Amino acid sequence: MGTPGSYLLLMKLPAPRTLIAGRLGSFRFPAGWYVYTGSALGGVEQRVARHLRPSDVRRWHLDYLKAEATIRGTFIFPGPERPECDLAAELLSRPGAAVPAPRFGASDCRCPSHLIHFETRPSLPYDE
């Protein structure tokens, strides 16, 4: 078992796409930047590594988007806490933030979404 933790994935979608996100259904994803918040209590490094590998397997909502978007950055928060909901809420409170697919990545909580869209690259407090 690996280190538990949460993570952010920064992604860029070059052109608008209509994608089916599993049982959530079909959504129109505008071009631009996306930040996805997730957690992996069984091993955050392994989960992020899985997301970085190309795969035809569609297990999570994110798998449908990452087939079209490019991951441009990762941020890992090791620890037993699950700040993914707080991270998603903080991102959603920023100017220009939008929810392109309600409940995306948030099927096990009450968040509006764990995927936040920005037209331009968001400044993340974790950037150096």
C-alpha atoms as a PDB file:
ATOM      1  CA  MET A   1       0.000   0.000   0.000  1.00  0.00           C
ATOM      2  CA  GLY A   2       1.345   3.430  -0.932  1.00  0.00           C
ATOM      3  CA  THR A   3       1.182   6.836   0.668  1.00  0.00           C
ATOM      4  CA  PRO A   4      -2.372   8.203   0.994  1.00  0.00           C
ATOM      5  CA  GLY A   5      -3.073  11.679  -0.305  1.00  0.00           C
ATOM      6  CA  SER A   6      -4.876  14.025  -2.633  1.00  0.00           C
ATOM      7  CA  TYR A   7      -3.784  15.528  -5.908  1.00  0.00           C
ATOM      8  CA  LEU A   8      -4.489  18.129  -8.558  1.00  0.00           C
ATOM      9  CA  LEU A   9      -4.098  17.543 -12.271  1.00  0.00           C
ATOM     10  CA  LEU A  10      -3.721  20.568 -14.528  1.00  0.00           C
ATOM     11  CA  MET A  11      -4.887  19.815 -18.071  1.00  0.00           C
ATOM     12  CA  LYS A  12      -5.303  21.647 -21.346  1.00  0.00           C
ATOM     13  CA  LEU A  13      -7.985  20.855 -23.900  1.00  0.00           C
ATOM     14  CA  PRO A  14      -6.998  22.439 -27.234  1.00  0.00           C
ATOM     15  CA  ALA A  15     -10.446  22.451 -28.856  1.00  0.00           C
ATOM     16  CA  PRO A  16     -14.023  22.031 -27.648  1.00  0.00           C
ATOM     17  CA  ARG A  17     -15.198  18.440 -27.395  1.00  0.00           C
ATOM     18  CA  THR A  18     -18.429  16.665 -26.610  1.00  0.00           C
ATOM     19  CA  LEU A  19     -17.565  13.670 -24.462  1.00  0.00           C
ATOM     20  CA  ILE A  20     -19.485  10.975 -22.670  1.00  0.00           C
ATOM     21  CA  ALA A  21     -18.283  10.700 -19.067  1.00  0.00           C
ATOM     22  CA  GLY A  22     -19.536   7.248 -18.146  1.00  0.00           C
ATOM     23  CA  ARG A  23     -22.872   7.194 -16.340  1.00  0.00           C
ATOM     24  CA  LEU A  24     -22.821  10.974 -15.958  1.00  0.00           C
ATOM     25  CA  GLY A  25     -23.693  11.267 -19.622  1.00  0.00           C
ATOM     26  CA  SER A  26     -22.621  13.577 -22.418  1.00  0.00           C
ATOM     27  CA  PHE A  27     -21.165  17.046 -21.853  1.00  0.00           C
ATOM     28  CA  ARG A  28     -19.711  19.801 -23.997  1.00  0.00           C
ATOM     29  CA  PHE A  29     -16.218  20.603 -22.737  1.00  0.00           C
ATOM     30  CA  PRO A  30     -14.993  24.015 -23.912  1.00  0.00           C
ATOM     31  CA  ALA A  31     -11.396  24.489 -24.957  1.00  0.00           C
ATOM     32  CA  GLY A  32      -9.135  25.780 -22.224  1.00  0.00           C
ATOM     33  CA  TRP A  33      -7.602  24.727 -18.929  1.00  0.00           C
ATOM     34  CA  TYR A  34      -8.972  22.243 -16.435  1.00  0.00           C
ATOM     35  CA  VAL A  35      -8.019  21.411 -12.876  1.00  0.00           C
ATOM     36  CA  TYR A  36      -9.141  18.068 -11.510  1.00  0.00           C
ATOM     37  CA  THR A  37      -9.006  17.282  -7.790  1.00  0.00           C
ATOM     38  CA  GLY A  38      -8.792  13.699  -6.609  1.00  0.00           C
ATOM     39  CA  SER A  39      -7.674  11.504  -3.765  1.00  0.00           C
ATOM     40  CA  ALA A  40      -6.117   8.084  -3.397  1.00  0.00           C
ATOM     41  CA  LEU A  41      -5.967   6.725   0.110  1.00  0.00           C
ATOM     42  CA  GLY A  42      -4.284   3.556  -1.144  1.00  0.00           C
ATOM     43  CA  GLY A  43      -1.407   5.340  -2.875  1.00  0.00           C
ATOM     44  CA  VAL A  44      -1.448   8.825  -4.348  1.00  0.00           C
ATOM     45  CA  GLU A  45       1.788   8.434  -6.332  1.00  0.00           C
ATOM     46  CA  GLN A  46       0.450   5.294  -8.019  1.00  0.00           C
ATOM     47  CA  ARG A  47      -2.875   6.971  -8.832  1.00  0.00           C
ATOM     48  CA  VAL A  48      -1.199   9.991 -10.411  1.00  0.00           C
ATOM     49  CA  ALA A  49       1.159   7.686 -12.349  1.00  0.00           C
ATOM     50  CA  ARG A  50      -1.890   5.821 -13.680  1.00  0.00           C
ATOM     51  CA  HIS A  51      -3.448   9.071 -14.855  1.00  0.00           C
ATOM     52  CA  LEU A  52      -0.218  10.012 -16.626  1.00  0.00           C
ATOM     53  CA  ARG A  53      -0.102   6.752 -18.609  1.00  0.00           C
ATOM     54  CA  PRO A  54      -2.070   6.472 -21.867  1.00  0.00           C
ATOM     55  CA  SER A  55      -4.849   3.933 -21.489  1.00  0.00           C
ATOM     56  CA  ASP A  56      -8.018   2.834 -23.226  1.00  0.00           C
ATOM     57  CA  VAL A  57      -9.509   1.766 -19.882  1.00  0.00           C
ATOM     58  CA  ARG A  58     -12.314   4.071 -18.721  1.00  0.00           C
ATOM     59  CA  ARG A  59     -12.646   3.531 -14.965  1.00  0.00           C
ATOM     60  CA  TRP A  60     -13.113   7.101 -13.670  1.00  0.00           C
ATOM     61  CA  HIS A  61     -14.816  10.164 -15.133  1.00  0.00           C
ATOM     62  CA  LEU A  62     -11.366  11.668 -15.656  1.00  0.00           C
ATOM     63  CA  ASP A  63     -10.390   8.855 -18.037  1.00  0.00           C
ATOM     64  CA  TYR A  64     -12.831  10.180 -20.635  1.00  0.00           C
ATOM     65  CA  LEU A  65     -11.411  13.712 -20.572  1.00  0.00           C
ATOM     66  CA  LYS A  66      -7.745  12.786 -20.380  1.00  0.00           C
ATOM     67  CA  ALA A  67      -8.158  10.842 -23.637  1.00  0.00           C
ATOM     68  CA  GLU A  68      -8.555  14.266 -25.314  1.00  0.00           C
ATOM     69  CA  ALA A  69      -6.730  16.673 -22.983  1.00  0.00           C
ATOM     70  CA  THR A  70      -3.024  16.955 -22.188  1.00  0.00           C
ATOM     71  CA  ILE A  71      -1.912  16.788 -18.561  1.00  0.00           C
ATOM     72  CA  ARG A  72       0.363  19.796 -18.034  1.00  0.00           C
ATOM     73  CA  GLY A  73       1.054  19.583 -14.312  1.00  0.00           C
ATOM     74  CA  THR A  74       0.522  17.503 -11.192  1.00  0.00           C
ATOM     75  CA  PHE A  75       0.426  18.537  -7.559  1.00  0.00           C
ATOM     76  CA  ILE A  76       0.458  15.940  -4.761  1.00  0.00           C
ATOM     77  CA  PHE A  77      -0.652  16.464  -1.155  1.00  0.00           C
ATOM     78  CA  PRO A  78       0.462  13.408   0.846  1.00  0.00           C
ATOM     79  CA  GLY A  79      -1.370  12.611   4.064  1.00  0.00           C
ATOM     80  CA  PRO A  80      -4.409  10.783   5.413  1.00  0.00           C
ATOM     81  CA  GLU A  81      -6.653  13.853   5.085  1.00  0.00           C
ATOM     82  CA  ARG A  82      -8.803  14.266   1.969  1.00  0.00           C
ATOM     83  CA  PRO A  83      -8.597  17.953   1.036  1.00  0.00           C
ATOM     84  CA  GLU A  84      -9.878  17.315  -2.503  1.00  0.00           C
ATOM     85  CA  CYS A  85     -13.293  18.853  -1.740  1.00  0.00           C
ATOM     86  CA  ASP A  86     -11.722  21.937  -0.141  1.00  0.00           C
ATOM     87  CA  LEU A  87      -9.350  22.271  -3.102  1.00  0.00           C
ATOM     88  CA  ALA A  88     -12.237  22.012  -5.569  1.00  0.00           C
ATOM     89  CA  ALA A  89     -14.251  24.625  -3.631  1.00  0.00           C
ATOM     90  CA  GLU A  90     -11.281  27.022  -3.531  1.00  0.00           C
ATOM     91  CA  LEU A  91     -10.739  26.645  -7.276  1.00  0.00           C
ATOM     92  CA  LEU A  92     -14.428  27.129  -8.019  1.00  0.00           C
ATOM     93  CA  SER A  93     -14.441  30.382  -6.023  1.00  0.00           C
ATOM     94  CA  ARG A  94     -11.893  31.967  -8.362  1.00  0.00           C
ATOM     95  CA  PRO A  95     -12.845  34.469 -11.071  1.00  0.00           C
ATOM     96  CA  GLY A  96     -13.472  32.746 -14.390  1.00  0.00           C
ATOM     97  CA  ALA A  97     -13.987  29.297 -12.845  1.00  0.00           C
ATOM     98  CA  ALA A  98     -16.792  27.187 -14.301  1.00  0.00           C
ATOM     99  CA  VAL A  99     -18.228  23.700 -13.920  1.00  0.00           C
ATOM    100  CA  PRO A 100     -18.476  22.099 -17.368  1.00  0.00           C
ATOM    101  CA  ALA A 101     -19.837  18.775 -16.093  1.00  0.00           C
ATOM    102  CA  PRO A 102     -21.794  18.721 -12.820  1.00  0.00           C
ATOM    103  CA  ARG A 103     -20.764  15.923 -10.408  1.00  0.00           C
ATOM    104  CA  PHE A 104     -17.659  15.066 -12.497  1.00  0.00           C
ATOM    105  CA  GLY A 105     -15.315  13.182 -10.170  1.00  0.00           C
ATOM    106  CA  ALA A 106     -17.633  13.933  -7.256  1.00  0.00           C
ATOM    107  CA  SER A 107     -19.884  10.902  -7.114  1.00  0.00           C
ATOM    108  CA  ASP A 108     -18.834  10.109  -3.522  1.00  0.00           C
ATOM    109  CA  CYS A 109     -19.339  13.604  -2.035  1.00  0.00           C
ATOM    110  CA  ARG A 110     -21.648  16.612  -2.253  1.00  0.00           C
ATOM    111  CA  CYS A 111     -19.371  18.873  -4.306  1.00  0.00           C
ATOM    112  CA  PRO A 112     -20.766  20.423  -7.487  1.00  0.00           C
ATOM    113  CA  SER A 113     -17.761  18.973  -9.345  1.00  0.00           C
ATOM    114  CA  HIS A 114     -14.106  18.056  -8.929  1.00  0.00           C
ATOM    115  CA  LEU A 115     -13.364  19.353 -12.434  1.00  0.00           C
ATOM    116  CA  ILE A 116     -13.044  23.114 -12.821  1.00  0.00           C
ATOM    117  CA  HIS A 117     -12.648  24.892 -16.175  1.00  0.00           C
ATOM    118  CA  PHE A 118     -10.764  28.126 -16.859  1.00  0.00           C
ATOM    119  CA  GLU A 119     -10.392  29.872 -20.237  1.00  0.00           C
ATOM    120  CA  THR A 120      -6.800  30.793 -19.411  1.00  0.00           C
ATOM    121  CA  ARG A 121      -4.214  28.924 -17.362  1.00  0.00           C
ATOM    122  CA  PRO A 122      -5.126  29.395 -13.708  1.00  0.00           C
ATOM    123  CA  SER A 123      -2.531  30.558 -11.252  1.00  0.00           C
ATOM    124  CA  LEU A 124      -2.221  27.840  -8.675  1.00  0.00           C
ATOM    125  CA  PRO A 125      -0.804  28.566  -5.230  1.00  0.00           C
ATOM    126  CA  TYR A 126       1.364  25.491  -5.659  1.00  0.00           C
ATOM    127  CA  ASP A 127       3.162  26.909  -8.727  1.00  0.00           C
ATOM    128  CA  GLU A 128       6.670  28.081  -8.125  1.00  0.00           C
END
